[in-house]
Protein backbone atom coordinates (compact mmCIF):
# COMPACT_ATOMS: atom_id res chain seq x y z
CA MET A 1 104.86 116.14 79.98
CA SER A 2 107.97 115.49 82.06
CA ILE A 3 108.14 112.29 84.07
CA CYS A 4 108.77 112.56 87.79
CA LEU A 5 110.60 110.00 89.78
CA ALA A 6 110.88 109.35 93.46
CA VAL A 7 112.56 105.99 93.46
CA ALA A 8 113.30 104.35 90.16
CA SER A 9 115.46 106.88 88.35
CA SER A 10 118.51 104.94 89.43
CA LEU A 11 116.96 101.65 88.28
CA TYR A 12 115.34 102.72 85.02
CA PRO A 13 116.66 106.10 83.88
CA GLY A 14 113.92 108.29 82.45
CA VAL A 15 111.04 106.12 83.66
CA ALA A 16 108.76 106.92 86.59
CA ALA A 17 108.23 104.53 89.47
CA ALA A 18 106.45 106.71 92.00
CA GLN A 19 102.92 107.92 91.35
CA ASP A 20 103.69 111.62 91.58
CA PRO A 21 102.60 114.57 89.45
CA ALA A 22 105.06 116.28 87.16
CA GLY A 23 107.49 118.51 89.02
CA TYR A 24 107.35 116.65 92.33
CA ALA A 25 109.36 113.71 93.63
CA SER A 26 108.27 112.52 97.06
CA PRO A 27 111.21 112.45 99.52
CA PHE A 28 109.83 109.45 101.39
CA ALA A 29 109.24 105.79 100.66
CA ASP A 30 106.03 104.75 98.92
CA THR A 31 104.40 102.62 101.64
CA LEU A 32 101.04 101.90 103.22
CA THR A 33 101.66 104.56 105.87
CA THR A 34 102.79 107.30 103.50
CA ARG A 35 100.00 106.59 101.01
CA VAL A 36 97.22 106.85 103.58
CA PHE A 37 98.76 109.61 105.71
CA PRO A 38 101.09 111.67 103.49
CA LEU A 39 100.92 114.73 105.76
CA PHE A 40 102.76 112.85 108.50
CA ALA A 41 105.50 111.80 106.06
CA MET A 42 105.89 115.38 104.86
CA MET A 43 106.13 116.76 108.39
CA ARG A 44 108.81 114.21 109.11
CA THR A 45 110.91 114.96 106.03
CA ALA A 46 110.45 118.71 105.46
CA PRO A 47 113.60 120.51 106.69
CA ASP A 48 113.35 121.81 110.27
CA TRP A 49 109.81 120.52 110.81
CA ALA A 50 110.49 117.35 112.78
CA GLN A 51 112.72 119.16 115.25
CA ALA A 52 110.29 122.05 115.58
CA LEU A 53 107.48 119.63 116.40
CA ARG A 54 109.61 117.83 118.97
CA ASP A 55 110.65 121.11 120.59
CA ASP A 56 107.15 122.58 120.83
CA PRO A 57 106.25 122.51 124.55
CA VAL A 58 102.50 122.48 123.91
CA LEU A 59 102.73 119.47 121.60
CA VAL A 60 105.06 117.71 124.03
CA GLU A 61 102.53 118.24 126.80
CA LEU A 62 99.68 117.06 124.57
CA ALA A 63 101.57 113.89 123.65
CA ALA A 64 102.14 113.14 127.33
CA ALA A 65 98.49 113.76 128.17
CA ARG A 66 97.37 111.47 125.37
CA ALA A 67 99.73 108.73 126.52
CA ALA A 68 98.25 108.98 130.00
CA ARG A 69 94.80 108.22 128.61
CA VAL A 70 95.79 104.71 127.57
CA PRO A 71 94.46 102.31 130.25
CA GLU A 72 97.08 100.35 132.13
CA ASN A 73 94.54 97.78 133.28
CA SER A 74 90.83 97.31 132.65
CA CYS A 75 88.34 100.01 131.69
CA ALA A 76 84.65 100.26 130.89
CA PRO A 77 82.76 99.91 128.68
CA SER A 78 85.11 97.29 127.31
CA PRO A 79 86.44 96.86 124.67
CA GLN A 80 85.42 100.24 123.18
CA CYS A 81 87.15 102.17 125.94
CA LEU A 82 90.49 100.61 124.98
CA ALA A 83 90.18 102.08 121.49
CA ASP A 84 88.72 105.40 122.63
CA ALA A 85 91.96 106.21 124.44
CA TRP A 86 93.67 106.63 121.05
CA ILE A 87 91.06 108.91 119.47
CA TRP A 88 91.95 112.50 118.64
CA THR A 89 89.40 114.64 120.47
CA GLU A 90 88.05 117.88 119.04
CA ALA A 91 90.10 119.75 121.64
CA ASP A 92 93.24 117.83 120.63
CA ILE A 93 92.71 118.61 116.97
CA ALA A 94 92.06 122.31 117.58
CA LEU A 95 95.13 122.62 119.79
CA VAL A 96 97.38 121.09 117.15
CA GLN A 97 95.87 123.36 114.49
CA THR A 98 96.80 126.39 116.56
CA ARG A 99 100.40 125.22 116.95
CA LEU A 100 100.73 124.36 113.26
CA ARG A 101 99.42 127.75 112.22
CA LEU A 102 102.06 129.34 114.41
CA MET A 103 104.80 127.23 112.83
CA VAL A 104 103.65 128.06 109.30
CA SER A 105 103.94 131.76 110.11
CA ASP A 106 107.69 131.19 109.79
CA LYS A 107 108.27 131.73 106.04
CA LYS A 108 111.18 129.31 105.86
CA ARG A 109 109.12 126.53 107.41
CA ALA A 110 106.14 127.36 105.18
CA ARG A 111 108.33 127.01 102.09
CA ALA A 112 109.79 123.72 103.30
CA LEU A 113 106.45 122.04 104.02
CA VAL A 114 103.79 123.78 101.96
CA THR A 115 105.55 125.26 98.93
CA ARG A 116 107.94 122.38 98.30
CA GLN A 117 105.88 119.40 99.42
CA MET A 118 102.18 119.81 100.11
CA ARG A 119 101.22 121.90 97.10
CA PRO A 120 103.34 120.29 94.35
CA SER A 121 102.55 116.77 95.60
CA GLY A 122 98.90 117.18 94.66
CA ARG A 123 97.95 115.19 97.78
CA PHE A 124 95.95 118.18 99.05
CA ALA A 125 94.76 119.50 95.67
CA ARG A 126 91.17 119.88 96.83
CA HIS A 127 92.34 122.66 99.17
CA ALA A 128 94.74 124.37 96.77
CA ALA A 129 92.96 127.72 97.04
CA LEU A 130 93.55 127.97 100.81
CA SER A 131 96.31 130.04 102.37
CA ASP A 132 99.34 128.17 103.65
CA ALA A 133 98.16 128.29 107.25
CA ASP A 134 94.63 127.20 106.37
CA LEU A 135 95.94 124.44 104.12
CA VAL A 136 98.08 122.93 106.87
CA ALA A 137 95.33 123.29 109.47
CA THR A 138 92.74 121.70 107.18
CA ALA A 139 95.03 118.87 106.12
CA TRP A 140 95.83 118.13 109.76
CA ALA A 141 92.15 118.07 110.78
CA GLU A 142 91.30 115.69 107.92
CA THR A 143 94.24 113.45 108.73
CA ALA A 144 93.36 113.27 112.44
CA ALA A 145 89.74 112.49 111.51
CA ALA A 146 90.99 109.72 109.23
CA VAL A 147 93.02 108.19 112.08
CA ASN A 148 89.85 108.30 114.17
CA GLN A 149 87.91 106.63 111.35
CA VAL A 150 90.39 103.75 111.18
CA ILE A 151 90.07 103.27 114.94
CA ALA A 152 86.26 103.47 114.82
CA VAL A 153 85.95 100.88 112.03
CA TYR A 154 88.79 98.48 112.76
CA ALA A 155 88.81 98.54 116.57
CA LYS A 156 85.24 99.47 117.52
CA GLY A 157 83.36 97.84 114.67
CA ALA A 158 81.74 100.97 113.22
CA SER A 159 80.34 100.53 109.72
CA PRO A 160 82.53 101.80 106.86
CA ARG A 161 81.03 103.25 103.69
CA TYR A 162 80.99 99.79 102.09
CA PRO A 163 80.52 97.31 104.94
CA VAL A 164 80.25 94.19 102.77
CA ILE A 165 83.86 94.47 101.59
CA ASP A 166 85.60 96.84 104.01
CA SER A 167 84.47 95.99 107.56
CA ILE A 168 86.38 94.79 110.61
CA ILE A 169 87.18 91.07 110.41
CA PHE A 170 86.71 90.45 114.16
CA ASN A 171 83.55 89.97 116.19
CA ILE A 172 83.43 93.03 118.41
CA ALA A 173 81.07 91.20 120.81
CA ASP A 174 83.53 88.38 121.37
CA PRO A 175 85.04 88.71 124.90
CA LYS A 176 88.44 87.99 123.37
CA MET A 177 88.24 91.30 121.52
CA ALA A 178 89.13 93.11 124.73
CA ASP A 179 92.30 91.00 124.97
CA VAL A 180 93.18 91.86 121.37
CA LEU A 181 92.81 95.60 121.87
CA ASP A 182 94.54 95.55 125.24
CA THR A 183 97.49 93.69 123.74
CA HIS A 184 97.65 96.02 120.75
CA GLY A 185 97.56 99.09 122.98
CA VAL A 186 100.29 97.80 125.28
CA ALA A 187 102.46 96.83 122.34
CA THR A 188 101.97 100.22 120.67
CA VAL A 189 102.95 102.10 123.83
CA ALA A 190 106.08 99.94 124.11
CA GLN A 191 107.16 100.92 120.61
CA ALA A 192 107.65 104.57 121.60
CA LYS A 193 110.92 106.05 120.35
CA ALA A 194 112.98 108.99 121.50
CA ASP A 195 112.53 110.78 118.18
CA ASP A 196 108.76 110.30 117.98
CA LEU A 197 106.65 113.18 116.78
CA PHE A 198 103.39 113.98 118.56
CA PHE A 199 101.30 111.94 116.11
CA ASP A 200 103.47 108.80 115.98
CA PRO A 201 101.78 106.70 118.69
CA SER A 202 98.30 107.10 117.20
CA LEU A 203 99.71 106.51 113.72
CA ARG A 204 101.27 103.22 114.84
CA TYR A 205 98.02 102.23 116.51
CA ALA A 206 95.95 102.94 113.37
CA ILE A 207 98.36 101.23 110.97
CA GLY A 208 98.50 98.26 113.32
CA LEU A 209 94.72 97.96 113.16
CA LEU A 210 94.83 97.92 109.36
CA GLN A 211 97.48 95.21 109.47
CA MET A 212 95.57 93.12 112.03
CA ASN A 213 92.44 93.34 109.89
CA GLU A 214 94.39 92.42 106.75
CA ARG A 215 93.37 95.74 105.18
CA ILE A 216 96.77 96.70 103.77
CA ASP A 217 95.65 96.98 100.13
CA ALA A 218 96.90 100.56 99.79
CA GLY A 219 100.49 99.46 100.37
CA SER A 220 100.50 96.67 97.79
CA TYR A 221 102.09 96.81 94.33
CA ARG A 222 104.29 99.76 95.22
CA PRO A 223 105.99 101.57 93.63
CA LEU A 224 103.21 101.45 91.09
CA LEU A 225 105.28 102.22 88.02
CA GLY A 226 107.97 99.74 88.99
CA GLY A 227 107.61 95.98 89.28
CA ASP A 228 105.19 94.45 86.78
CA ASN A 229 104.46 97.90 85.33
CA ALA A 230 108.11 98.81 84.69
CA ASP A 231 108.32 97.48 81.13
CA THR A 232 105.11 99.25 80.15
CA ALA A 233 106.29 102.48 81.77
CA ARG A 234 109.43 102.31 79.63
CA ALA A 235 107.32 101.70 76.53
CA VAL A 236 105.17 104.77 77.35
CA ALA A 237 108.32 106.88 77.65
CA ARG A 238 109.53 105.71 74.21
CA MET A 239 106.18 105.99 72.42
CA ASN A 240 105.82 108.12 69.30
CA TRP A 241 102.34 109.49 69.84
CA ARG A 242 101.80 110.95 66.38
CA ALA A 243 98.66 109.65 64.68
CA LYS A 244 97.42 107.97 67.88
CA PRO A 245 93.81 109.09 68.40
CA TYR A 246 93.69 108.02 72.05
CA THR A 247 96.43 107.53 74.61
CA ALA A 248 95.07 104.39 76.33
CA LEU A 249 92.03 102.19 76.71
CA LEU A 250 90.83 102.18 80.32
CA VAL A 251 89.10 98.98 81.45
CA PHE A 252 87.50 98.76 84.90
CA GLY A 253 87.20 95.43 86.67
CA HIS A 254 84.04 93.60 87.66
CA GLY A 255 84.57 91.37 90.67
CA PRO A 256 82.84 88.00 90.99
CA GLU A 257 80.83 87.01 94.05
CA ASP A 258 82.07 83.41 94.24
CA VAL A 259 85.43 82.37 95.64
CA GLN A 260 86.60 80.39 92.58
CA SER A 261 86.11 82.89 89.77
CA ARG A 262 88.91 85.36 89.25
CA THR A 263 87.01 87.80 87.05
CA GLY A 264 83.33 88.72 87.08
CA VAL A 265 81.21 87.96 84.02
CA MET A 266 80.99 91.62 82.99
CA GLY A 267 84.77 91.81 83.17
CA HIS A 268 85.07 89.24 80.40
CA ILE A 269 82.71 91.26 78.19
CA ARG A 270 84.66 94.47 78.81
CA LEU A 271 87.97 92.78 78.02
CA ALA A 272 86.65 91.46 74.72
CA ILE A 273 85.54 94.94 73.68
CA ALA A 274 88.88 96.47 74.72
CA ALA A 275 90.91 93.80 72.92
CA ASP A 276 88.93 94.49 69.73
CA LEU A 277 89.55 98.24 69.97
CA PHE A 278 93.25 97.64 70.65
CA ALA A 279 93.53 95.40 67.60
CA ARG A 280 91.88 98.12 65.52
CA GLY A 281 94.52 100.63 66.63
CA PHE A 282 92.41 102.95 68.77
CA ALA A 283 95.20 103.28 71.37
CA PRO A 284 98.68 101.84 71.92
CA PHE A 285 98.13 100.90 75.58
CA ILE A 286 95.51 99.38 77.85
CA ILE A 287 95.15 100.31 81.52
CA VAL A 288 93.28 97.73 83.61
CA SER A 289 91.92 99.01 86.93
CA GLY A 290 90.64 97.13 89.97
CA GLY A 291 91.80 95.87 93.36
CA ASN A 292 91.19 92.90 95.63
CA VAL A 293 87.50 93.58 96.13
CA HIS A 294 84.86 90.90 95.50
CA PRO A 295 84.18 88.62 97.23
CA ASN A 296 85.30 90.10 100.55
CA ARG A 297 89.02 89.55 101.18
CA THR A 298 89.52 87.74 97.90
CA PRO A 299 93.14 86.81 97.09
CA PHE A 300 92.54 87.68 93.44
CA ASN A 301 93.31 91.14 92.14
CA GLU A 302 91.09 92.44 89.33
CA ALA A 303 93.86 94.29 87.47
CA VAL A 304 96.28 91.36 87.69
CA GLU A 305 93.65 88.93 86.44
CA MET A 306 92.55 91.22 83.60
CA LYS A 307 96.12 91.62 82.41
CA ARG A 308 96.60 87.85 82.53
CA LEU A 309 93.52 87.30 80.37
CA LEU A 310 94.45 90.02 77.88
CA VAL A 311 97.84 88.39 77.39
CA THR A 312 96.79 84.72 77.38
CA GLN A 313 93.42 84.91 75.62
CA TYR A 314 93.82 87.92 73.33
CA GLY A 315 97.56 88.03 72.66
CA ILE A 316 98.03 91.61 73.86
CA PRO A 317 101.75 92.23 74.54
CA ALA A 318 102.39 92.46 78.30
CA ASP A 319 104.40 95.66 77.87
CA ARG A 320 101.33 97.38 76.40
CA ILE A 321 99.28 96.85 79.57
CA LEU A 322 99.48 98.98 82.73
CA MET A 323 97.90 97.69 85.92
CA GLU A 324 96.11 99.96 88.38
CA PRO A 325 95.60 97.41 91.19
CA HIS A 326 93.95 99.45 93.95
CA ALA A 327 90.54 100.79 92.88
CA ARG A 328 87.58 99.34 94.78
CA HIS A 329 84.76 101.33 93.17
CA THR A 330 83.99 103.07 89.89
CA THR A 331 84.82 106.38 91.53
CA THR A 332 88.37 105.36 92.28
CA ASN A 333 88.73 103.53 88.96
CA LEU A 334 88.43 106.98 87.39
CA ARG A 335 90.62 108.76 89.92
CA ASN A 336 93.38 106.17 90.01
CA CYS A 337 93.53 105.90 86.22
CA ALA A 338 93.81 109.69 86.05
CA ARG A 339 96.75 109.57 88.47
CA LEU A 340 98.41 106.81 86.47
CA LEU A 341 97.99 108.57 83.12
CA LEU A 342 99.55 111.75 84.51
CA ALA A 343 102.33 110.11 86.52
CA ALA A 344 103.42 107.78 83.70
CA GLY A 345 103.73 110.66 81.24
CA PHE A 346 100.89 109.98 78.82
CA PRO A 347 100.23 113.03 76.57
CA GLU A 348 97.90 115.58 78.09
CA ASP A 349 96.78 117.04 74.76
CA ARG A 350 94.57 114.08 73.82
CA PRO A 351 92.10 111.87 75.68
CA ALA A 352 92.16 108.30 76.86
CA LEU A 353 89.17 106.10 76.09
CA ILE A 354 87.13 104.40 78.82
CA VAL A 355 85.91 101.03 77.54
CA SER A 356 83.03 99.08 79.09
CA ASP A 357 79.70 97.44 78.45
CA HIS A 358 77.06 99.85 77.20
CA ARG A 359 75.10 99.91 80.48
CA THR A 360 78.13 100.78 82.59
CA ILE A 361 79.20 103.44 80.09
CA GLN A 362 75.86 105.16 80.66
CA TYR A 363 76.47 105.08 84.42
CA ILE A 364 80.06 106.36 84.18
CA GLY A 365 79.00 109.24 81.99
CA GLY A 366 75.92 110.12 84.03
CA GLU A 367 75.10 112.52 86.82
CA GLU A 368 74.81 109.85 89.50
CA LEU A 369 78.50 108.96 89.37
CA ALA A 370 79.54 112.62 89.07
CA LEU A 371 77.73 113.37 92.32
CA ARG A 372 79.17 110.28 93.96
CA ASN A 373 82.70 111.36 92.97
CA LEU A 374 82.27 114.62 94.87
CA LYS A 375 80.65 112.95 97.86
CA GLU A 376 83.22 110.18 98.29
CA MET A 377 86.44 111.71 96.94
CA GLY A 378 85.74 115.43 96.95
CA VAL A 379 86.99 115.82 93.37
CA GLN A 380 86.08 115.18 89.75
CA PRO A 381 89.17 113.31 88.53
CA GLY A 382 88.81 114.31 84.90
CA ARG A 383 86.55 115.39 82.06
CA LEU A 384 84.24 112.96 80.29
CA ALA A 385 82.77 113.21 76.81
CA PRO A 386 81.00 110.78 74.47
CA GLY A 387 83.27 108.28 72.76
CA PRO A 388 83.15 107.04 69.17
CA ASP A 389 80.56 104.37 70.04
CA ARG A 390 78.24 103.33 72.86
CA PHE A 391 80.96 101.26 74.53
CA THR A 392 83.32 104.17 75.11
CA LEU A 393 83.79 107.56 76.75
CA ARG A 394 86.57 110.04 76.16
CA PHE A 395 88.47 110.87 79.35
CA VAL A 396 90.94 113.68 80.01
CA PRO A 397 92.56 113.39 83.48
CA ASP A 398 92.72 116.35 85.85
CA PRO A 399 95.72 116.76 88.22
CA VAL A 400 93.26 117.30 91.09
CA ALA A 401 92.97 113.49 91.00
CA PHE A 402 96.20 113.31 93.03
CA HIS A 403 94.26 114.52 96.08
CA VAL A 404 94.49 111.86 98.80
CA GLU A 405 91.39 110.85 100.71
CA PRO A 406 92.75 109.40 104.00
CA ALA A 407 89.23 108.57 105.21
CA ASP A 408 89.35 105.71 102.67
CA PRO A 409 92.43 103.86 103.97
CA LEU A 410 92.11 100.87 101.64
CA ASP A 411 92.50 103.10 98.58
CA PRO A 412 93.24 106.72 99.52
């Protein structure tokens, strides 16, 4: 498998830094904004698209109408009305879809955006069977809905899928909340630029809400195959894979519920099992997966802490451990590990081995999680099969795992 690079080819020749599928190198920086909303980054960088969007009279008129909705003074009911002004209405979304379909009818523009970016990036893999026009229209509708979701949760206090760990950090009933949203709206309007595209104001507003709520997890540890993962990425590129039964041992974190512990009790058990399998030569690498999850807003990252323990307590070489530091649930443990295996250039002709306690292995390999994968991510990130013992499952990643779910802004 060839190794794609977006950023680090100049730093570490032959080693990937961006988390892209083979054959694609993203032409934009790997940031919080581009991870959660890749469509906007692609529209900005695809040749001729930014200018076409700026020149479209219907989109220019829509942008002006949306700007006029932002209250200059008070509104009611406050503070919800201050956030509602930034929502993409169904009429807004449909209007933009119509204009985008028209633009994609130009074959040159379709090649620039869809053929060269959207499809090979894998970010929209769930919709790969759609025509170019339908793909762009669908991706736009999902992206606009995701912006609305950020506003609903982090400005209006709506409940996210996992409220215990992902909710707004402010008290929406506090009278000061109106001052916060008013100030944020005024500041966002003031940041308007002459080269803005029609979506830029709402994008700034949504990203600002994530920053204010300290929910910027998706932008941390980027580029993923640089930094602390760079040495391991180089080791993967040099590996002689002959006689290696499995490519990597995948270990998912278990967050504690107290503020002092850095790793949950089940995490210690899983690490001990993985260290034993590593010592017995089952695989040449370990991938540890888990973000800053439990307890809510913890400063400790599961993947970072697991790597630390594998090195200090089990003597595993640091350059044999890859960190996947974003996953917040078992669903995204699977998906994010699949992305990492494919982007880092692990062989595709043999499986990795998921390692866990025997109870969690039953859950990972069962129907409940398979259904949850489809419900929450829209994809099955790979194929599972029984492993050599009750603590393991074979796992073969599927490139559909690169599909981005912008409705989950903490780990899209």
